[in-house]
Amino acid sequence: MVFHIMLYELKRIFKRFGSIMMVFIAPAFVVILTSAFFSSYELQTMKLGIYLEDKSLPARLTMKLLTSFFKGKSVVEVSKNFNDLLIKGELNAVIVIPKDFTQKLYKKQRTYLPFIPSPVDLQVASAIYRVVNSLFADLEGSAFFDPQILKYLSVDRGYPSPRLIMKNSKKSIDFESLISPSVIFFSSVLVVISLLSLSVVSDGERGILDLYISMDLKWWEYSLGKIISYTVLGFTISMLACIILLLITNTNIPVEWVLILSLLNALFHSSIGFIVSSLSPTRNIASLVAVSLTGLFFFMSGTIVPVSSLPESFKMVSVRTFPFKIVYVLRKIQLYGASGISKEILYLLLWCSISLALAIFLGKIPLRRK
């Protein structure tokens, strides 16, 4: 009977044009949109302006330092009329090197460089502020800001500077490959919870629950049929998202582990979606809870909000949640390989087992409600 319910649910999903569109378009939309956001969220795309009130050699070498540190095209010298560029977002920030810069260097006095951020993409300006401050702090006490030494320096482009590269024990990997795969899981969450959270309520409204009761259907058969069908759906969506991600980006991911983790992800969120649907008396409440949980899971995964920046109490909760752990396990495999992840896999299986058992048990509620 469980198998028949599963087939019936899948037929219901794929009979509706809207559901078919969601299944095939949602993964593509989520992958393309989030990949674009992730690839643009880096300091290499920023624009920093330098306004030189002091035209001396030390001032120009300080600008050269920032130009070399970030990227040649990212740092530009600007005139005093730079406010319009900041307001329009053409520059993320401007650093002013004041007239007394060199004078204070000779006097061994601390110099303060005014930093003016743009109201557009303030998070990028914040990142620039922190990075530049950290750079200057690291150079404090070194020969770089000694004007007696600076005047003897010359720039030779023949000596390349070092570059960082992300590496693990087997192959090179970049940040896009670490961040982008989270959309494989999120696209499944988005569709599964959205559809399944309304499924039980819809069964009650259409009289399907009355039919099941007249057939003497057991509550656990009803629960399992629903959960398995949406687990299959969620896994299929994750695979579509994975294929799209591999086609449109250079993302390097361990496909065999993505398959395993996608199955666990689909099972967990199908169970959560069924729990929401079973406990919700109306369609409106089910929709509201589903949207709230989807947003909460996305933030808890650490994809948008850095977990390390959360208050300690929130951090302790977040790092123990399923959405965070499943993304963490994939990244750990990418960086260090699959050895040493048995505890994390067991932890994910525990989450899946608890949510599945609770969802099956709560299958009693909609049938008894009738």
Protein backbone atom coordinates (compact mmCIF):
# COMPACT_ATOMS: atom_id res chain seq x y z
CA MET A 1 0.00 0.00 0.00
CA VAL A 2 2.90 2.34 0.74
CA PHE A 3 4.17 1.87 -2.81
CA HIS A 4 0.74 2.69 -4.28
CA ILE A 5 0.47 5.89 -2.21
CA MET A 6 3.96 6.88 -3.32
CA LEU A 7 3.09 6.39 -6.99
CA TYR A 8 -0.19 8.25 -6.55
CA GLU A 9 1.60 11.22 -4.95
CA LEU A 10 4.19 11.40 -7.71
CA LYS A 11 1.43 11.25 -10.35
CA ARG A 12 -0.40 14.07 -8.57
CA ILE A 13 2.74 16.21 -8.57
CA PHE A 14 3.57 15.65 -12.23
CA LYS A 15 -0.04 15.98 -13.40
CA ARG A 16 -0.12 19.63 -12.40
CA PHE A 17 1.59 21.99 -14.81
CA GLY A 18 2.56 24.37 -12.01
CA SER A 19 4.29 21.59 -10.08
CA ILE A 20 6.20 20.43 -13.15
CA MET A 21 7.36 23.99 -13.78
CA MET A 22 8.50 24.29 -10.16
CA VAL A 23 10.38 20.98 -10.28
CA PHE A 24 12.33 21.87 -13.41
CA ILE A 25 12.57 25.65 -13.25
CA ALA A 26 13.23 26.12 -9.52
CA PRO A 27 16.58 24.25 -9.53
CA ALA A 28 17.78 26.15 -12.61
CA PHE A 29 16.62 29.49 -11.17
CA VAL A 30 18.20 28.87 -7.77
CA VAL A 31 21.49 27.57 -9.19
CA ILE A 32 21.94 30.35 -11.77
CA LEU A 33 20.92 33.15 -9.41
CA THR A 34 22.96 32.03 -6.41
CA SER A 35 26.00 31.17 -8.54
CA ALA A 36 25.91 34.71 -9.90
CA PHE A 37 25.69 36.13 -6.38
CA PHE A 38 28.45 33.90 -5.00
CA SER A 39 30.82 34.63 -7.86
CA SER A 40 30.30 38.40 -7.44
CA TYR A 41 30.82 38.37 -3.68
CA GLU A 42 34.58 38.88 -3.58
CA LEU A 43 37.03 41.71 -3.13
CA GLN A 44 38.37 41.28 -6.67
CA THR A 45 35.20 42.89 -8.06
CA MET A 46 35.38 45.88 -5.75
CA LYS A 47 36.33 49.41 -6.77
CA LEU A 48 38.45 51.45 -4.38
CA GLY A 49 39.31 55.10 -5.04
CA ILE A 50 42.42 56.80 -3.69
CA TYR A 51 42.41 60.61 -3.40
CA LEU A 52 45.95 61.99 -3.02
CA GLU A 53 46.02 65.32 -1.22
CA ASP A 54 49.71 64.55 -0.62
CA LYS A 55 51.52 64.00 -3.93
CA SER A 56 54.83 62.94 -2.40
CA LEU A 57 56.67 59.66 -3.01
CA PRO A 58 55.57 58.02 0.29
CA ALA A 59 51.94 58.82 -0.52
CA ARG A 60 52.24 57.37 -4.04
CA LEU A 61 54.00 54.25 -2.74
CA THR A 62 51.14 53.75 -0.26
CA MET A 63 48.71 53.88 -3.17
CA LYS A 64 50.96 51.44 -5.05
CA LEU A 65 50.83 49.10 -2.06
CA LEU A 66 47.02 49.07 -2.09
CA THR A 67 46.94 48.71 -5.88
CA SER A 68 49.25 45.69 -5.72
CA PHE A 69 47.47 44.17 -2.73
CA PHE A 70 43.99 44.19 -4.22
CA LYS A 71 44.25 44.26 -8.00
CA GLY A 72 45.45 46.83 -10.50
CA LYS A 73 42.06 47.64 -12.01
CA SER A 74 40.29 47.62 -8.64
CA VAL A 75 42.18 50.61 -7.21
CA VAL A 76 42.07 53.94 -9.05
CA GLU A 77 43.22 57.46 -8.30
CA VAL A 78 40.31 59.91 -8.13
CA SER A 79 39.90 63.67 -8.08
CA LYS A 80 38.35 65.60 -5.20
CA ASN A 81 34.91 65.34 -6.86
CA PHE A 82 34.49 61.67 -5.94
CA ASN A 83 31.19 61.91 -4.05
CA ASP A 84 29.06 61.29 -7.15
CA LEU A 85 30.98 58.09 -7.87
CA LEU A 86 30.29 56.85 -4.34
CA ILE A 87 26.60 57.73 -4.46
CA LYS A 88 26.13 55.95 -7.82
CA GLY A 89 28.01 52.87 -6.57
CA GLU A 90 30.75 53.18 -9.19
CA LEU A 91 33.21 53.16 -6.28
CA ASN A 92 32.75 51.07 -3.14
CA ALA A 93 34.90 53.39 -1.05
CA VAL A 94 37.47 56.17 -1.20
CA ILE A 95 40.60 56.48 0.95
CA VAL A 96 42.00 59.99 1.31
CA ILE A 97 45.75 60.40 1.85
CA PRO A 98 45.93 63.77 3.64
CA LYS A 99 48.34 66.64 3.01
CA ASP A 100 50.30 66.02 6.20
CA PHE A 101 50.86 62.31 5.47
CA THR A 102 54.60 62.50 4.71
CA GLN A 103 55.21 65.19 7.32
CA LYS A 104 53.78 62.97 10.06
CA LEU A 105 55.82 60.01 8.85
CA TYR A 106 59.01 62.01 9.36
CA LYS A 107 57.81 63.04 12.83
CA LYS A 108 56.96 59.40 13.66
CA GLN A 109 53.35 60.38 14.32
CA ARG A 110 50.37 58.16 13.53
CA THR A 111 48.56 59.18 10.37
CA TYR A 112 44.84 58.71 9.96
CA LEU A 113 43.52 58.23 6.44
CA PRO A 114 39.84 59.21 6.03
CA PHE A 115 37.75 56.30 4.71
CA ILE A 116 34.52 57.20 2.91
CA PRO A 117 32.22 54.24 2.05
CA SER A 118 29.55 54.10 -0.62
CA PRO A 119 25.93 53.57 0.48
CA VAL A 120 25.70 50.94 -2.29
CA ASP A 121 27.04 47.47 -1.36
CA LEU A 122 28.08 48.61 2.08
CA GLN A 123 29.19 45.06 2.95
CA VAL A 124 31.97 45.34 0.35
CA ALA A 125 33.09 48.69 1.80
CA SER A 126 33.13 47.08 5.25
CA ALA A 127 35.35 44.26 3.95
CA ILE A 128 37.75 46.78 2.36
CA TYR A 129 37.94 48.76 5.61
CA ARG A 130 38.83 45.69 7.66
CA VAL A 131 41.36 44.35 5.15
CA VAL A 132 43.20 47.67 4.71
CA ASN A 133 43.30 48.31 8.45
CA SER A 134 44.69 44.81 8.99
CA LEU A 135 47.29 45.35 6.24
CA PHE A 136 48.50 48.61 7.77
CA ALA A 137 48.59 47.02 11.24
CA ASP A 138 50.80 44.22 9.91
CA LEU A 139 53.19 46.75 8.34
CA GLU A 140 53.53 48.81 11.54
CA GLY A 141 57.13 48.86 12.73
CA SER A 142 58.44 47.67 9.38
CA ALA A 143 60.67 49.59 6.98
CA PHE A 144 57.81 50.28 4.59
CA PHE A 145 56.66 53.48 6.31
CA ASP A 146 60.14 54.74 7.09
CA PRO A 147 60.55 57.78 4.79
CA GLN A 148 64.33 57.51 4.99
CA ILE A 149 64.12 54.13 3.27
CA LEU A 150 61.17 54.93 1.01
CA LYS A 151 63.08 57.57 -0.91
CA TYR A 152 65.60 54.92 -2.07
CA LEU A 153 62.96 52.50 -3.30
CA SER A 154 62.08 52.00 -6.94
CA VAL A 155 59.49 49.79 -8.55
CA ASP A 156 60.54 46.97 -10.85
CA ARG A 157 57.68 45.03 -12.45
CA GLY A 158 60.00 42.13 -13.28
CA TYR A 159 59.55 40.49 -9.86
CA PRO A 160 56.14 38.80 -9.54
CA SER A 161 54.44 38.78 -6.16
CA PRO A 162 53.12 35.56 -4.57
CA ARG A 163 49.52 34.45 -5.06
CA LEU A 164 47.35 32.28 -2.85
CA ILE A 165 45.81 29.07 -4.15
CA MET A 166 43.29 26.84 -2.41
CA LYS A 167 44.71 23.33 -2.14
CA ASN A 168 43.85 20.04 -0.52
CA SER A 169 45.80 16.80 -0.57
CA LYS A 170 44.58 15.77 -4.03
CA LYS A 171 43.75 18.75 -6.21
CA SER A 172 43.35 22.50 -6.40
CA ILE A 173 40.00 23.92 -5.42
CA ASP A 174 38.54 27.42 -5.40
CA PHE A 175 36.02 29.20 -3.21
CA GLU A 176 33.27 28.92 -5.83
CA SER A 177 33.56 25.14 -5.64
CA LEU A 178 33.17 25.32 -1.86
CA ILE A 179 30.24 27.74 -1.75
CA SER A 180 28.15 26.94 -4.83
CA PRO A 181 27.24 23.28 -4.05
CA SER A 182 25.03 24.42 -1.15
CA VAL A 183 22.44 25.42 -3.78
CA ILE A 184 22.08 21.73 -4.68
CA PHE A 185 20.61 21.11 -1.24
CA PHE A 186 18.69 24.37 -1.00
CA SER A 187 16.86 23.92 -4.32
CA SER A 188 15.51 20.61 -3.01
CA VAL A 189 14.48 22.17 0.31
CA LEU A 190 12.67 24.99 -1.48
CA VAL A 191 10.48 22.71 -3.60
CA VAL A 192 9.93 19.81 -1.18
CA ILE A 193 8.84 21.86 1.83
CA SER A 194 6.74 24.20 -0.35
CA LEU A 195 4.77 21.35 -1.93
CA LEU A 196 4.65 18.82 0.91
CA SER A 197 3.61 21.31 3.58
CA LEU A 198 0.31 21.78 1.70
CA SER A 199 -0.15 18.16 0.67
CA VAL A 200 -1.92 16.78 3.77
CA VAL A 201 -4.14 19.86 4.05
CA SER A 202 -5.02 19.46 0.38
CA ASP A 203 -5.89 15.77 0.95
CA GLY A 204 -8.37 16.79 3.65
CA GLU A 205 -9.96 19.49 1.49
CA ARG A 206 -10.36 17.19 -1.52
CA GLY A 207 -11.78 14.26 0.47
CA ILE A 208 -8.80 11.99 -0.19
CA LEU A 209 -8.31 11.40 3.55
CA ASP A 210 -11.94 10.18 3.79
CA LEU A 211 -11.21 7.75 0.97
CA TYR A 212 -8.09 6.43 2.74
CA ILE A 213 -10.03 5.98 5.99
CA SER A 214 -12.75 4.03 4.18
CA MET A 215 -10.00 1.80 2.74
CA ASP A 216 -8.82 1.12 6.30
CA LEU A 217 -5.41 2.61 5.47
CA LYS A 218 -2.96 2.48 8.36
CA TRP A 219 -1.48 5.78 9.51
CA TRP A 220 2.12 4.63 9.07
CA GLU A 221 1.40 3.55 5.48
CA TYR A 222 0.00 7.00 4.73
CA SER A 223 3.02 8.71 6.32
CA LEU A 224 5.61 6.55 4.60
CA GLY A 225 3.94 6.84 1.21
CA LYS A 226 3.98 10.63 1.42
CA ILE A 227 7.53 10.93 2.74
CA ILE A 228 9.09 8.46 0.28
CA SER A 229 7.41 10.09 -2.72
CA TYR A 230 8.69 13.54 -1.81
CA THR A 231 12.12 12.14 -0.94
CA VAL A 232 12.30 10.82 -4.53
CA LEU A 233 11.16 14.23 -5.77
CA GLY A 234 13.71 16.09 -3.64
CA PHE A 235 16.54 13.80 -4.72
CA THR A 236 15.58 14.29 -8.38
CA ILE A 237 15.61 18.08 -7.96
CA SER A 238 19.05 17.97 -6.33
CA MET A 239 20.38 15.92 -9.23
CA LEU A 240 18.97 18.41 -11.73
CA ALA A 241 20.56 21.25 -9.76
CA CYS A 242 23.88 19.38 -9.68
CA ILE A 243 23.83 18.83 -13.45
CA ILE A 244 23.01 22.49 -14.10
CA LEU A 245 25.74 23.63 -11.71
CA LEU A 246 28.34 21.45 -13.43
CA LEU A 247 27.25 22.69 -16.85
CA ILE A 248 27.29 26.43 -16.16
CA THR A 249 30.24 26.68 -13.73
CA ASN A 250 33.69 25.21 -13.22
CA THR A 251 32.65 23.86 -9.83
CA ASN A 252 34.68 20.89 -8.66
CA ILE A 253 32.51 18.61 -6.47
CA PRO A 254 32.68 14.94 -5.40
CA VAL A 255 29.60 13.68 -7.27
CA GLU A 256 29.35 10.34 -5.42
CA TRP A 257 29.13 12.15 -2.07
CA VAL A 258 26.69 14.69 -3.47
CA LEU A 259 24.40 11.75 -4.34
CA ILE A 260 24.53 10.36 -0.80
CA LEU A 261 24.12 13.72 0.91
CA SER A 262 21.33 14.75 -1.47
CA LEU A 263 19.38 11.62 -0.54
CA LEU A 264 19.77 12.35 3.19
CA ASN A 265 18.85 15.99 2.58
CA ALA A 266 15.69 15.03 0.68
CA LEU A 267 14.65 12.50 3.34
CA PHE A 268 15.14 14.94 6.23
CA HIS A 269 13.28 17.83 4.62
CA SER A 270 10.49 15.57 3.35
CA SER A 271 10.00 14.47 6.94
CA ILE A 272 9.98 18.09 8.11
CA GLY A 273 7.52 19.07 5.38
CA PHE A 274 5.20 16.22 6.37
CA ILE A 275 5.39 17.22 10.05
CA VAL A 276 4.41 20.80 9.15
CA SER A 277 1.55 19.60 6.96
CA SER A 278 0.25 17.15 9.58
CA LEU A 279 0.22 19.73 12.36
CA SER A 280 -1.22 22.61 10.29
CA PRO A 281 -5.02 22.91 10.48
CA THR A 282 -5.28 25.28 7.51
CA ARG A 283 -3.52 25.99 4.23
CA ASN A 284 -2.51 29.51 5.32
CA ILE A 285 -0.77 28.31 8.47
CA ALA A 286 1.01 25.55 6.53
CA SER A 287 2.28 28.06 3.95
CA LEU A 288 3.46 30.52 6.60
CA VAL A 289 5.36 27.85 8.57
CA ALA A 290 6.87 26.41 5.38
CA VAL A 291 8.21 29.79 4.21
CA SER A 292 9.58 30.55 7.69
CA LEU A 293 11.35 27.19 7.97
CA THR A 294 12.84 27.45 4.46
CA GLY A 295 14.34 30.84 5.26
CA LEU A 296 15.53 29.65 8.68
CA PHE A 297 17.22 26.56 7.23
CA PHE A 298 18.98 28.65 4.59
CA PHE A 299 20.38 31.07 7.17
CA MET A 300 21.36 28.24 9.54
CA SER A 301 23.37 26.56 6.78
CA GLY A 302 26.01 29.29 7.10
CA THR A 303 25.74 30.15 3.40
CA ILE A 304 24.60 33.74 3.92
CA VAL A 305 25.43 34.60 7.53
CA PRO A 306 28.88 33.49 8.78
CA VAL A 307 28.28 31.17 11.73
CA SER A 308 31.43 32.39 13.48
CA SER A 309 29.96 35.92 13.67
CA LEU A 310 26.80 34.81 15.49
CA PRO A 311 26.37 35.25 19.26
CA GLU A 312 27.76 32.24 21.12
CA SER A 313 24.33 30.82 22.04
CA PHE A 314 23.08 31.03 18.43
CA LYS A 315 26.35 29.62 17.14
CA MET A 316 26.07 26.57 19.43
CA VAL A 317 22.58 25.85 18.08
CA SER A 318 23.38 26.56 14.43
CA VAL A 319 26.42 24.27 14.16
CA ARG A 320 24.34 21.36 15.44
CA THR A 321 21.49 21.72 12.95
CA PHE A 322 21.02 19.47 9.93
CA PRO A 323 21.24 22.29 7.30
CA PHE A 324 24.64 23.40 8.64
CA LYS A 325 26.04 19.90 9.08
CA ILE A 326 25.19 18.69 5.59
CA VAL A 327 26.92 21.68 3.95
CA TYR A 328 29.82 21.35 6.40
CA VAL A 329 30.31 17.65 5.56
CA LEU A 330 30.46 18.35 1.81
CA ARG A 331 33.00 21.15 2.30
CA LYS A 332 35.07 18.97 4.62
CA ILE A 333 35.16 16.24 1.96
CA GLN A 334 36.20 18.79 -0.68
CA LEU A 335 39.02 20.16 1.47
CA TYR A 336 40.34 17.13 3.34
CA GLY A 337 38.88 14.06 1.64
CA ALA A 338 36.31 11.53 2.86
CA SER A 339 38.39 10.05 5.66
CA GLY A 340 37.34 11.12 9.13
CA ILE A 341 33.71 12.05 8.33
CA SER A 342 32.07 8.96 9.85
CA LYS A 343 30.91 10.87 12.94
CA GLU A 344 29.31 13.59 10.83
CA ILE A 345 27.53 11.02 8.61
CA LEU A 346 26.22 9.21 11.69
CA TYR A 347 25.05 12.56 13.05
CA LEU A 348 23.13 13.27 9.82
CA LEU A 349 21.62 9.77 9.91
CA LEU A 350 20.51 10.41 13.50
CA TRP A 351 18.79 13.63 12.43
CA CYS A 352 17.09 11.80 9.55
CA SER A 353 15.99 8.91 11.79
CA ILE A 354 14.49 11.19 14.45
CA SER A 355 12.66 13.38 11.93
CA LEU A 356 11.39 10.35 9.99
CA ALA A 357 10.15 8.57 13.13
CA LEU A 358 8.39 11.73 14.32
CA ALA A 359 6.84 12.34 10.91
CA ILE A 360 5.50 8.77 10.66
CA PHE A 361 4.04 8.99 14.16
CA LEU A 362 2.37 12.34 13.42
CA GLY A 363 0.65 10.73 10.43
CA LYS A 364 -2.01 9.72 12.96
CA ILE A 365 -3.17 13.31 13.39
CA PRO A 366 -4.71 14.07 9.95
CA LEU A 367 -6.41 10.66 9.79
CA ARG A 368 -7.84 10.98 13.31
CA ARG A 369 -8.87 14.57 12.60
CA LYS A 370 -11.30 13.11 10.08
